N, C-alpha and C. Protein backbone atom coordinates (compact mmCIF):
# COMPACT_ATOMS: atom_id res chain seq x y z
N LEU A 1 59.81 87.49 120.22
CA LEU A 1 59.81 88.72 121.01
C LEU A 1 58.46 88.93 121.68
N TYR A 2 57.41 88.78 120.91
CA TYR A 2 56.08 89.01 121.48
C TYR A 2 55.80 88.01 122.60
N ASN A 3 56.09 86.75 122.35
CA ASN A 3 55.84 85.73 123.38
C ASN A 3 56.65 85.98 124.64
N ASN A 4 57.93 86.32 124.47
CA ASN A 4 58.80 86.51 125.64
C ASN A 4 58.40 87.71 126.48
N PHE A 5 58.01 88.79 125.83
CA PHE A 5 57.84 90.05 126.55
C PHE A 5 56.41 90.45 126.85
N TRP A 6 55.47 90.07 125.99
CA TRP A 6 54.13 90.64 126.13
C TRP A 6 53.02 89.62 126.31
N LEU A 7 53.19 88.40 125.80
CA LEU A 7 52.08 87.45 125.82
C LEU A 7 51.64 87.09 127.24
N ASN A 8 52.60 86.91 128.14
CA ASN A 8 52.26 86.51 129.51
C ASN A 8 52.12 87.70 130.45
N TRP A 9 52.16 88.87 129.93
CA TRP A 9 52.02 90.09 130.72
C TRP A 9 50.57 90.21 131.19
N GLU A 10 50.35 90.70 132.39
CA GLU A 10 48.99 90.77 132.92
C GLU A 10 48.07 91.67 132.08
N PHE A 11 48.64 92.59 131.28
CA PHE A 11 47.83 93.49 130.46
C PHE A 11 47.73 93.03 129.00
N SER A 12 48.16 91.81 128.71
CA SER A 12 48.20 91.36 127.31
C SER A 12 46.82 91.26 126.67
N PHE A 13 45.76 91.14 127.48
CA PHE A 13 44.41 91.01 126.91
C PHE A 13 43.67 92.34 126.87
N VAL A 14 44.35 93.39 127.30
CA VAL A 14 43.75 94.73 127.28
C VAL A 14 44.24 95.43 126.02
N PRO A 15 43.35 96.12 125.29
CA PRO A 15 43.84 96.88 124.11
C PRO A 15 44.97 97.82 124.54
N PHE A 16 46.05 97.84 123.75
CA PHE A 16 47.24 98.56 124.16
C PHE A 16 47.00 100.05 124.44
N TYR A 17 46.09 100.66 123.67
CA TYR A 17 45.87 102.09 123.89
C TYR A 17 45.19 102.36 125.24
N LYS A 18 44.63 101.31 125.85
CA LYS A 18 44.00 101.47 127.16
C LYS A 18 44.98 101.21 128.31
N VAL A 19 46.18 100.73 127.95
CA VAL A 19 47.20 100.48 128.97
C VAL A 19 48.01 101.76 129.12
N GLY A 20 48.20 102.18 130.35
CA GLY A 20 48.92 103.42 130.60
C GLY A 20 50.43 103.26 130.44
N THR A 21 51.09 104.38 130.22
CA THR A 21 52.55 104.40 130.12
C THR A 21 53.18 103.85 131.38
N VAL A 22 52.55 104.10 132.53
CA VAL A 22 53.07 103.62 133.82
C VAL A 22 53.22 102.10 133.81
N GLU A 23 52.23 101.39 133.28
CA GLU A 23 52.27 99.93 133.25
C GLU A 23 53.39 99.44 132.33
N PHE A 24 53.56 100.13 131.19
CA PHE A 24 54.64 99.75 130.28
C PHE A 24 56.00 99.98 130.95
N VAL A 25 56.14 101.09 131.65
CA VAL A 25 57.39 101.39 132.35
C VAL A 25 57.71 100.28 133.35
N LYS A 26 56.70 99.87 134.12
CA LYS A 26 56.92 98.80 135.12
C LYS A 26 57.32 97.50 134.44
N GLN A 27 56.66 97.16 133.35
CA GLN A 27 56.99 95.92 132.64
C GLN A 27 58.42 95.97 132.10
N ILE A 28 58.81 97.09 131.52
CA ILE A 28 60.17 97.22 130.98
C ILE A 28 61.20 97.13 132.11
N GLN A 29 60.92 97.78 133.23
CA GLN A 29 61.83 97.70 134.37
C GLN A 29 61.95 96.27 134.88
N ASP A 30 60.84 95.55 134.92
CA ASP A 30 60.87 94.15 135.35
C ASP A 30 61.72 93.31 134.40
N LEU A 31 61.57 93.56 133.10
CA LEU A 31 62.34 92.81 132.10
C LEU A 31 63.83 93.08 132.25
N MET A 32 64.17 94.33 132.57
CA MET A 32 65.57 94.71 132.70
C MET A 32 66.23 94.06 133.92
N LYS A 33 65.42 93.66 134.89
CA LYS A 33 65.96 93.05 136.12
C LYS A 33 66.07 91.53 136.04
N GLN A 34 65.41 90.93 135.05
CA GLN A 34 65.39 89.47 134.98
C GLN A 34 66.78 88.91 134.69
N THR A 35 67.14 87.90 135.45
CA THR A 35 68.45 87.26 135.27
C THR A 35 68.25 85.77 135.06
N LYS A 36 69.30 85.14 134.63
CA LYS A 36 69.29 83.68 134.47
C LYS A 36 70.66 83.16 134.88
N ILE A 37 70.71 81.90 135.18
CA ILE A 37 71.99 81.27 135.53
C ILE A 37 72.44 80.43 134.34
N ILE A 38 73.66 80.67 133.89
CA ILE A 38 74.21 79.85 132.82
C ILE A 38 75.39 79.07 133.38
N ILE A 39 75.58 77.88 132.86
CA ILE A 39 76.69 77.04 133.30
C ILE A 39 77.56 76.74 132.10
N ARG A 40 78.80 77.20 132.18
CA ARG A 40 79.78 76.95 131.12
C ARG A 40 81.04 76.43 131.78
N ASN A 41 81.56 75.34 131.25
CA ASN A 41 82.77 74.73 131.81
C ASN A 41 82.62 74.50 133.31
N SER A 42 81.48 74.01 133.71
CA SER A 42 81.10 73.70 135.10
C SER A 42 81.16 74.91 136.04
N GLU A 43 81.10 76.12 135.49
CA GLU A 43 81.03 77.33 136.31
C GLU A 43 79.67 77.97 136.15
N GLU A 44 79.05 78.32 137.27
CA GLU A 44 77.77 79.02 137.25
C GLU A 44 78.00 80.51 137.19
N LYS A 45 77.18 81.17 136.40
CA LYS A 45 77.30 82.62 136.27
C LYS A 45 75.89 83.20 136.13
N THR A 46 75.59 84.24 136.88
CA THR A 46 74.29 84.90 136.76
C THR A 46 74.44 86.07 135.80
N VAL A 47 73.62 86.09 134.76
CA VAL A 47 73.68 87.16 133.76
C VAL A 47 72.27 87.70 133.53
N LEU A 48 72.21 88.84 132.89
CA LEU A 48 70.91 89.38 132.51
C LEU A 48 70.25 88.43 131.53
N LYS A 49 68.96 88.24 131.69
CA LYS A 49 68.25 87.33 130.80
C LYS A 49 68.11 87.92 129.41
N TYR A 50 67.87 89.23 129.36
CA TYR A 50 67.67 89.88 128.06
C TYR A 50 68.65 91.03 127.91
N SER A 51 69.28 91.12 126.75
CA SER A 51 70.18 92.24 126.48
C SER A 51 69.35 93.50 126.25
N SER A 52 70.01 94.64 126.38
CA SER A 52 69.34 95.93 126.14
C SER A 52 68.76 95.98 124.73
N LYS A 53 69.53 95.50 123.78
CA LYS A 53 69.08 95.53 122.38
C LYS A 53 67.83 94.67 122.20
N TYR A 54 67.79 93.53 122.86
CA TYR A 54 66.65 92.62 122.75
C TYR A 54 65.39 93.28 123.31
N ILE A 55 65.54 93.96 124.45
CA ILE A 55 64.40 94.65 125.05
C ILE A 55 63.95 95.80 124.15
N LEU A 56 64.90 96.55 123.59
CA LEU A 56 64.54 97.64 122.66
C LEU A 56 63.80 97.09 121.44
N ASN A 57 64.23 95.93 120.93
CA ASN A 57 63.54 95.31 119.81
C ASN A 57 62.10 94.94 120.18
N ALA A 58 61.91 94.46 121.40
CA ALA A 58 60.56 94.11 121.87
C ALA A 58 59.68 95.35 121.97
N ILE A 59 60.26 96.45 122.45
CA ILE A 59 59.51 97.71 122.55
C ILE A 59 59.16 98.21 121.15
N THR A 60 60.12 98.14 120.24
CA THR A 60 59.88 98.58 118.86
C THR A 60 58.76 97.76 118.22
N LEU A 61 58.75 96.46 118.49
CA LEU A 61 57.69 95.59 117.95
C LEU A 61 56.32 96.04 118.44
N ILE A 62 56.19 96.27 119.75
CA ILE A 62 54.90 96.68 120.30
C ILE A 62 54.50 98.07 119.79
N LYS A 63 55.46 98.98 119.69
CA LYS A 63 55.16 100.32 119.15
C LYS A 63 54.62 100.18 117.72
N SER A 64 55.23 99.30 116.95
CA SER A 64 54.80 99.09 115.57
C SER A 64 53.40 98.47 115.51
N ILE A 65 53.14 97.50 116.38
CA ILE A 65 51.80 96.89 116.43
C ILE A 65 50.75 97.95 116.75
N ILE A 66 51.05 98.76 117.75
CA ILE A 66 50.10 99.81 118.15
C ILE A 66 49.88 100.78 117.00
N LYS A 67 50.97 101.19 116.35
CA LYS A 67 50.87 102.15 115.24
C LYS A 67 50.04 101.58 114.09
N HIS A 68 50.29 100.33 113.72
CA HIS A 68 49.61 99.75 112.56
C HIS A 68 48.20 99.26 112.84
N THR A 69 47.80 99.23 114.11
CA THR A 69 46.41 98.90 114.41
C THR A 69 45.60 100.17 114.62
N LYS A 70 46.22 101.30 114.31
CA LYS A 70 45.55 102.61 114.33
C LYS A 70 44.86 102.87 115.67
N CYS A 71 45.59 102.65 116.76
CA CYS A 71 45.05 102.93 118.08
C CYS A 71 44.94 104.44 118.28
N GLN A 72 43.99 104.81 119.12
CA GLN A 72 43.77 106.23 119.39
C GLN A 72 44.96 106.85 120.10
N HIS A 73 45.67 106.07 120.89
CA HIS A 73 46.76 106.60 121.69
C HIS A 73 47.85 105.54 121.80
N ASN A 74 49.10 105.95 121.60
CA ASN A 74 50.21 105.02 121.74
C ASN A 74 50.97 105.36 123.02
N PRO A 75 50.82 104.56 124.08
CA PRO A 75 51.46 104.87 125.36
C PRO A 75 52.99 104.77 125.33
N LEU A 76 53.55 104.23 124.25
CA LEU A 76 55.00 104.11 124.14
C LEU A 76 55.62 105.21 123.27
N ASP A 77 54.79 106.02 122.65
CA ASP A 77 55.29 107.08 121.77
C ASP A 77 55.46 108.36 122.56
N LEU A 78 56.65 108.93 122.53
CA LEU A 78 56.93 110.13 123.31
C LEU A 78 56.88 111.41 122.47
N THR A 79 56.66 111.28 121.17
CA THR A 79 56.61 112.48 120.33
C THR A 79 55.26 113.15 120.44
N GLY A 80 55.29 114.43 120.65
CA GLY A 80 54.06 115.22 120.69
C GLY A 80 53.19 115.01 121.89
N SER A 81 53.64 114.21 122.85
CA SER A 81 52.80 114.00 124.03
C SER A 81 53.23 114.95 125.14
N GLU A 82 52.28 115.27 125.99
CA GLU A 82 52.62 116.14 127.11
C GLU A 82 53.49 115.38 128.10
N LYS A 83 54.38 116.11 128.75
CA LYS A 83 55.30 115.50 129.70
C LYS A 83 54.57 115.11 130.98
N THR A 84 54.69 113.85 131.32
CA THR A 84 54.15 113.36 132.60
C THR A 84 55.30 112.64 133.30
N GLU A 85 55.07 112.29 134.54
CA GLU A 85 56.10 111.56 135.28
C GLU A 85 56.39 110.22 134.60
N ALA A 86 55.33 109.56 134.13
CA ALA A 86 55.50 108.26 133.47
C ALA A 86 56.25 108.41 132.15
N SER A 87 55.92 109.44 131.36
CA SER A 87 56.60 109.61 130.08
C SER A 87 58.07 109.96 130.28
N GLU A 88 58.38 110.70 131.34
CA GLU A 88 59.79 111.00 131.64
C GLU A 88 60.54 109.73 132.05
N LYS A 89 59.89 108.88 132.83
CA LYS A 89 60.51 107.60 133.21
C LYS A 89 60.76 106.74 131.97
N LEU A 90 59.77 106.73 131.08
CA LEU A 90 59.90 105.95 129.85
C LEU A 90 61.05 106.49 129.00
N GLU A 91 61.12 107.78 128.88
CA GLU A 91 62.20 108.40 128.11
C GLU A 91 63.56 108.05 128.71
N ASN A 92 63.67 108.08 130.03
CA ASN A 92 64.92 107.71 130.70
C ASN A 92 65.26 106.23 130.48
N LEU A 93 64.23 105.39 130.47
CA LEU A 93 64.47 103.97 130.19
C LEU A 93 65.01 103.77 128.77
N TYR A 94 64.41 104.48 127.80
CA TYR A 94 64.89 104.40 126.42
C TYR A 94 66.37 104.78 126.35
N LYS A 95 66.71 105.89 126.99
CA LYS A 95 68.10 106.36 126.98
C LYS A 95 69.02 105.34 127.64
N LEU A 96 68.60 104.80 128.77
CA LEU A 96 69.40 103.82 129.48
C LEU A 96 69.64 102.58 128.62
N LEU A 97 68.57 102.09 127.99
CA LEU A 97 68.70 100.89 127.15
C LEU A 97 69.60 101.15 125.95
N LYS A 98 69.49 102.34 125.35
CA LYS A 98 70.31 102.65 124.18
C LYS A 98 71.78 102.81 124.53
N ASN A 99 72.06 103.31 125.71
CA ASN A 99 73.45 103.55 126.12
C ASN A 99 74.09 102.37 126.81
N LYS A 100 73.27 101.42 127.23
CA LYS A 100 73.78 100.29 128.01
C LYS A 100 74.40 99.26 127.07
N SER A 101 75.66 99.05 127.25
CA SER A 101 76.36 98.08 126.41
C SER A 101 76.51 96.78 127.19
N THR A 102 75.87 95.75 126.72
CA THR A 102 75.99 94.46 127.40
C THR A 102 76.57 93.44 126.43
N PRO A 103 77.49 92.62 126.90
CA PRO A 103 78.04 91.61 126.00
C PRO A 103 76.96 90.62 125.58
N ARG A 104 77.10 90.10 124.40
CA ARG A 104 76.10 89.18 123.88
C ARG A 104 76.17 87.86 124.62
N GLU A 105 75.13 87.57 125.37
CA GLU A 105 75.05 86.31 126.11
C GLU A 105 74.05 85.36 125.44
N GLN A 106 73.26 85.91 124.51
CA GLN A 106 72.21 85.11 123.87
C GLN A 106 72.76 84.42 122.63
N TYR A 107 72.85 83.14 122.67
CA TYR A 107 73.19 82.36 121.50
C TYR A 107 72.70 80.94 121.72
N LEU A 108 72.68 80.18 120.65
CA LEU A 108 72.22 78.80 120.75
C LEU A 108 73.41 77.86 120.95
N GLU A 109 73.23 76.94 121.88
CA GLU A 109 74.23 75.89 122.08
C GLU A 109 74.10 74.90 120.91
N PRO A 110 75.15 74.12 120.63
CA PRO A 110 75.07 73.16 119.50
C PRO A 110 73.85 72.24 119.55
N TYR A 111 73.50 71.74 120.74
CA TYR A 111 72.34 70.83 120.83
C TYR A 111 71.04 71.58 120.50
N GLU A 112 70.99 72.90 120.82
CA GLU A 112 69.80 73.69 120.50
C GLU A 112 69.70 73.93 119.00
N ILE A 113 70.85 74.15 118.35
CA ILE A 113 70.87 74.32 116.90
C ILE A 113 70.38 73.04 116.22
N LYS A 114 70.88 71.91 116.72
CA LYS A 114 70.46 70.61 116.15
C LYS A 114 68.96 70.41 116.30
N LYS A 115 68.44 70.73 117.48
CA LYS A 115 67.01 70.57 117.73
C LYS A 115 66.20 71.47 116.80
N LEU A 116 66.65 72.72 116.62
CA LEU A 116 65.97 73.65 115.71
C LEU A 116 65.97 73.11 114.29
N LEU A 117 67.13 72.68 113.82
CA LEU A 117 67.24 72.18 112.44
C LEU A 117 66.39 70.92 112.25
N ASP A 118 66.44 70.00 113.22
CA ASP A 118 65.64 68.77 113.11
C ASP A 118 64.15 69.08 113.07
N THR A 119 63.72 70.02 113.91
CA THR A 119 62.29 70.38 113.97
C THR A 119 61.84 71.00 112.66
N LEU A 120 62.66 71.89 112.11
CA LEU A 120 62.30 72.53 110.83
C LEU A 120 62.29 71.51 109.69
N LYS A 121 63.26 70.61 109.69
CA LYS A 121 63.37 69.64 108.59
C LYS A 121 62.22 68.64 108.58
N GLU A 122 61.66 68.34 109.75
CA GLU A 122 60.54 67.39 109.84
C GLU A 122 59.31 67.84 109.07
N ASN A 123 59.11 69.14 108.99
CA ASN A 123 57.90 69.67 108.36
C ASN A 123 58.24 70.22 106.97
N PRO A 124 57.70 69.63 105.90
CA PRO A 124 58.00 70.09 104.55
C PRO A 124 57.67 71.57 104.32
N GLU A 125 56.72 72.11 105.09
CA GLU A 125 56.37 73.52 104.93
C GLU A 125 57.50 74.44 105.40
N HIS A 126 58.39 73.92 106.23
CA HIS A 126 59.45 74.75 106.80
C HIS A 126 60.82 74.47 106.20
N ILE A 127 60.84 73.84 105.00
CA ILE A 127 62.13 73.45 104.42
C ILE A 127 62.99 74.67 104.07
N GLN A 128 62.37 75.77 103.65
CA GLN A 128 63.16 76.97 103.38
C GLN A 128 63.76 77.53 104.66
N GLY A 129 62.97 77.55 105.72
CA GLY A 129 63.48 77.99 107.02
C GLY A 129 64.62 77.10 107.50
N TYR A 130 64.48 75.80 107.23
CA TYR A 130 65.53 74.85 107.58
C TYR A 130 66.83 75.20 106.87
N LEU A 131 66.75 75.44 105.55
CA LEU A 131 67.95 75.76 104.78
C LEU A 131 68.56 77.09 105.21
N ILE A 132 67.71 78.06 105.49
CA ILE A 132 68.21 79.37 105.95
C ILE A 132 68.98 79.19 107.26
N CYS A 133 68.40 78.48 108.20
CA CYS A 133 69.06 78.26 109.50
C CYS A 133 70.32 77.42 109.35
N LEU A 134 70.28 76.42 108.46
CA LEU A 134 71.45 75.57 108.24
C LEU A 134 72.61 76.38 107.66
N ILE A 135 72.33 77.22 106.68
CA ILE A 135 73.39 78.05 106.09
C ILE A 135 73.93 79.04 107.11
N MET A 136 73.02 79.65 107.88
CA MET A 136 73.48 80.59 108.91
C MET A 136 74.35 79.88 109.94
N ALA A 137 73.97 78.67 110.34
CA ALA A 137 74.71 77.94 111.36
C ALA A 137 76.09 77.49 110.86
N THR A 138 76.20 77.21 109.58
CA THR A 138 77.48 76.70 109.06
C THR A 138 78.39 77.80 108.52
N THR A 139 77.84 78.99 108.26
CA THR A 139 78.66 80.06 107.68
C THR A 139 78.78 81.30 108.57
N GLY A 140 77.85 81.47 109.51
CA GLY A 140 77.84 82.70 110.31
C GLY A 140 77.22 83.87 109.56
N MET A 141 76.59 83.58 108.45
CA MET A 141 75.98 84.62 107.63
C MET A 141 74.84 85.30 108.38
N ARG A 142 74.71 86.60 108.22
CA ARG A 142 73.63 87.35 108.86
C ARG A 142 72.32 87.13 108.09
N PRO A 143 71.17 87.29 108.78
CA PRO A 143 69.88 87.06 108.13
C PRO A 143 69.67 87.88 106.86
N ASP A 144 70.01 89.18 106.88
CA ASP A 144 69.77 89.99 105.67
C ASP A 144 70.63 89.52 104.51
N SER A 145 71.81 88.98 104.80
CA SER A 145 72.67 88.47 103.72
C SER A 145 72.08 87.21 103.11
N ILE A 146 71.62 86.31 103.96
CA ILE A 146 71.10 85.04 103.44
C ILE A 146 69.77 85.24 102.70
N LEU A 147 68.97 86.17 103.18
CA LEU A 147 67.68 86.41 102.52
C LEU A 147 67.83 87.06 101.15
N ASN A 148 69.01 87.59 100.86
CA ASN A 148 69.26 88.21 99.56
C ASN A 148 70.08 87.32 98.63
N LEU A 149 70.31 86.07 99.01
CA LEU A 149 71.05 85.14 98.15
C LEU A 149 70.24 84.80 96.90
N LYS A 150 70.96 84.62 95.82
CA LYS A 150 70.37 84.16 94.56
C LYS A 150 71.01 82.81 94.24
N ILE A 151 70.38 82.04 93.38
CA ILE A 151 70.93 80.73 92.98
C ILE A 151 72.34 80.91 92.41
N LYS A 152 72.55 81.99 91.64
CA LYS A 152 73.87 82.21 91.03
C LYS A 152 74.97 82.45 92.08
N ASP A 153 74.57 82.81 93.32
CA ASP A 153 75.55 83.03 94.39
C ASP A 153 76.07 81.72 94.97
N LEU A 154 75.38 80.63 94.68
CA LEU A 154 75.80 79.30 95.16
C LEU A 154 76.72 78.69 94.11
N MET A 155 78.01 78.76 94.34
CA MET A 155 79.01 78.30 93.37
C MET A 155 79.39 76.85 93.71
N PHE A 156 78.55 75.94 93.22
CA PHE A 156 78.73 74.53 93.57
C PHE A 156 80.08 73.99 93.12
N LYS A 157 80.53 74.42 91.94
CA LYS A 157 81.81 73.93 91.41
C LYS A 157 82.97 74.32 92.32
N ASP A 158 82.96 75.55 92.81
CA ASP A 158 84.05 76.04 93.66
C ASP A 158 83.81 75.79 95.15
N LYS A 159 82.63 75.27 95.49
CA LYS A 159 82.25 74.99 96.89
C LYS A 159 82.27 76.24 97.77
N ILE A 160 81.76 77.34 97.19
CA ILE A 160 81.67 78.58 97.97
C ILE A 160 80.32 79.27 97.72
N ILE A 161 79.97 80.14 98.66
CA ILE A 161 78.77 80.96 98.54
C ILE A 161 79.23 82.41 98.51
N LYS A 162 78.81 83.12 97.47
CA LYS A 162 79.13 84.55 97.37
C LYS A 162 77.99 85.31 98.03
N THR A 163 78.33 86.18 98.95
CA THR A 163 77.28 86.91 99.66
C THR A 163 77.69 88.35 99.90
N PHE A 164 76.73 89.16 100.30
CA PHE A 164 76.99 90.57 100.57
C PHE A 164 76.68 90.84 102.04
N ASP A 165 77.64 91.44 102.73
CA ASP A 165 77.46 91.81 104.13
C ASP A 165 76.90 93.23 104.17
N PHE A 166 75.63 93.36 104.52
CA PHE A 166 74.97 94.67 104.53
C PHE A 166 75.47 95.56 105.66
N LYS A 167 75.98 94.95 106.72
CA LYS A 167 76.48 95.75 107.84
C LYS A 167 77.80 96.43 107.48
N ARG A 168 78.71 95.64 106.87
CA ARG A 168 80.02 96.19 106.51
C ARG A 168 80.07 96.68 105.06
N LYS A 169 78.98 96.48 104.32
CA LYS A 169 78.86 96.94 102.92
C LYS A 169 79.98 96.36 102.04
N MET A 170 80.08 95.03 102.06
CA MET A 170 81.12 94.39 101.24
C MET A 170 80.70 92.98 100.84
N VAL A 171 81.26 92.53 99.73
CA VAL A 171 81.05 91.16 99.26
C VAL A 171 82.06 90.26 99.96
N TYR A 172 81.63 89.07 100.36
CA TYR A 172 82.57 88.11 100.91
C TYR A 172 82.12 86.70 100.52
N TYR A 173 82.98 85.73 100.77
CA TYR A 173 82.73 84.35 100.36
C TYR A 173 82.77 83.42 101.57
N CYS A 174 81.85 82.45 101.57
CA CYS A 174 81.77 81.44 102.63
C CYS A 174 81.95 80.07 102.00
N ASN A 175 82.40 79.13 102.80
CA ASN A 175 82.52 77.75 102.33
C ASN A 175 81.15 77.12 102.20
N LEU A 176 80.97 76.39 101.13
CA LEU A 176 79.75 75.62 100.92
C LEU A 176 80.11 74.18 101.28
N THR A 177 79.67 73.73 102.45
CA THR A 177 80.03 72.39 102.92
C THR A 177 79.28 71.34 102.10
N PRO A 178 79.83 70.12 102.01
CA PRO A 178 79.16 69.07 101.24
C PRO A 178 77.73 68.81 101.73
N PHE A 179 77.52 68.83 103.04
CA PHE A 179 76.17 68.57 103.57
C PHE A 179 75.19 69.67 103.16
N VAL A 180 75.61 70.93 103.28
CA VAL A 180 74.74 72.05 102.89
C VAL A 180 74.46 71.98 101.39
N GLU A 181 75.48 71.66 100.62
CA GLU A 181 75.30 71.55 99.16
C GLU A 181 74.27 70.47 98.83
N LEU A 182 74.36 69.33 99.51
CA LEU A 182 73.41 68.23 99.29
C LEU A 182 71.99 68.67 99.63
N GLU A 183 71.82 69.34 100.76
CA GLU A 183 70.49 69.79 101.19
C GLU A 183 69.90 70.80 100.21
N ILE A 184 70.73 71.71 99.70
CA ILE A 184 70.25 72.71 98.72
C ILE A 184 69.85 72.01 97.43
N GLN A 185 70.67 71.09 96.97
CA GLN A 185 70.35 70.37 95.74
C GLN A 185 69.07 69.53 95.89
N ASN A 186 68.88 68.96 97.08
CA ASN A 186 67.64 68.21 97.34
C ASN A 186 66.42 69.12 97.22
N LEU A 187 66.52 70.33 97.78
CA LEU A 187 65.42 71.29 97.69
C LEU A 187 65.15 71.65 96.23
N ILE A 188 66.21 71.92 95.48
CA ILE A 188 66.05 72.30 94.06
C ILE A 188 65.39 71.16 93.29
N ARG A 189 65.86 69.90 93.54
CA ARG A 189 65.26 68.74 92.86
C ARG A 189 63.78 68.58 93.23
N ASN A 190 63.47 68.71 94.53
CA ASN A 190 62.09 68.54 94.97
C ASN A 190 61.18 69.62 94.38
N ARG A 191 61.68 70.84 94.31
CA ARG A 191 60.90 71.93 93.71
C ARG A 191 60.64 71.68 92.24
N ALA A 192 61.67 71.18 91.53
CA ALA A 192 61.54 70.89 90.10
C ALA A 192 60.53 69.78 89.86
N SER A 193 60.53 68.75 90.72
CA SER A 193 59.59 67.63 90.54
C SER A 193 58.16 68.03 90.89
N ASP A 194 57.98 69.05 91.75
CA ASP A 194 56.64 69.52 92.10
C ASP A 194 56.00 70.32 90.97
N GLU A 195 56.82 70.90 90.12
CA GLU A 195 56.28 71.76 89.03
C GLU A 195 55.85 71.00 87.85
């Protein structure tokens, strides 16, 4: 999020509290206009590059960075600030982004998933990230569900993974594929031999 939205921004080297709300409004408006061309089944389609939710997440990230670095002024915070033209524009942008429903266009193609998994697997320091991504890719499990898995949830005998869906507040079961099972057991063996 930071790299996509803020790192290449012309104000990225200026302390955030010195950047005016006007500049943030312009950057957010620019992000909302960005499009990309996707090709599926040999058809070209122009879509928004970033979903409303993705842009809101980027704004939330920067607001959090500003808050936790104890800046004198947060140009993205509208609470307790006097109304200006820029703050009203920002408030309208927030409302627009929250109300704008856009279909999910952001996902990884199979070759991108393979590249991600191969890159993570190459580096022993990223083996946990590799397993997390592998399980997510093969089960559709959400990040909060996978991060709360325990060893006892991996039912190797039955070839299933017991998990909890925090969004729907329910327990459900996923298939534990032979390849995922092998990779998990390799990690467990390697960890045991390191101790």
